[in-house]
Amino acid sequence: MPAESAAREAICRLGRGMFARGLTFGSSGNISVRLDDGWLMTPTNVAMGDLDPARLARLDADGQLIGGDPPTKEAFLHRVMYDGRADARAVVHLHSTHSVAVSVLADVDPDDVLPAITAYYVMRVGRLPLVPYFPPGDSRLAEAVRPLVGRHHAVLLANHGPVVAGTSLAAAAGAIEELEETAKLHLLLRGLPVRTLTPAQVAELRERFG
């Protein structure tokens, strides 16, 4: 199937690029793409820099493994993002350094973790809720995320990292990279007087770009 083959190559290309730029490390992070009859997901315990298109996990419409290596242990987290967003075609989850650092700060607003520093953050990420901590692979994490995904396509898992759904793999990747860069800026600016976008400026961006 040409579409599936292209998706396999795109996932691996994205994974290698993110690994090379230090957005993921070790075997952390995972990527998935929704197909017409199931999903492709990165395998468990495989570094994104070492992804093999032929060994990506292939799940059917019921979420059962029908080909490739076993999927990420956080496959349930991807599924809950897809369940809550009919327009989602891809999900990217990272343990990227600056986003994780923000996720452990004690003074963030859990309803909207990062300030509107740039227009592109507002356009690509929007509001970012903080999900309480659960151990990796804990199914309670899915239940904590579920009520948020209808209103948000990006969430930040406390002491863990960001999860972003997109209408395409490129959209999900672009949003999570924008999120990580904004987290970095936020940390660099802590303690300094800042001039973030005003509520009126944010509202104008949301009206223009959704």
Foldseek 3Di string as FASTA:
>chain_A
DVVLLVVLVVQLVLLLVCVVVQQADQQFKKKKFADPFFIWIAAARDRSNPDDSQQTFTAGNVRHTDHHHHHHLCVLLVVLLCVQDVLFGMKIWTQGDLLQVQLADPPADQFAGFFQADLVLCQQFNGEHEFEDDPPSDCVSSVSCNVPNNPGQKYAYRNGTIMGTDSDPVSNSVNRVSVSVRSVVVVVCPPHDGDHDDPVRSVVSVVVRD
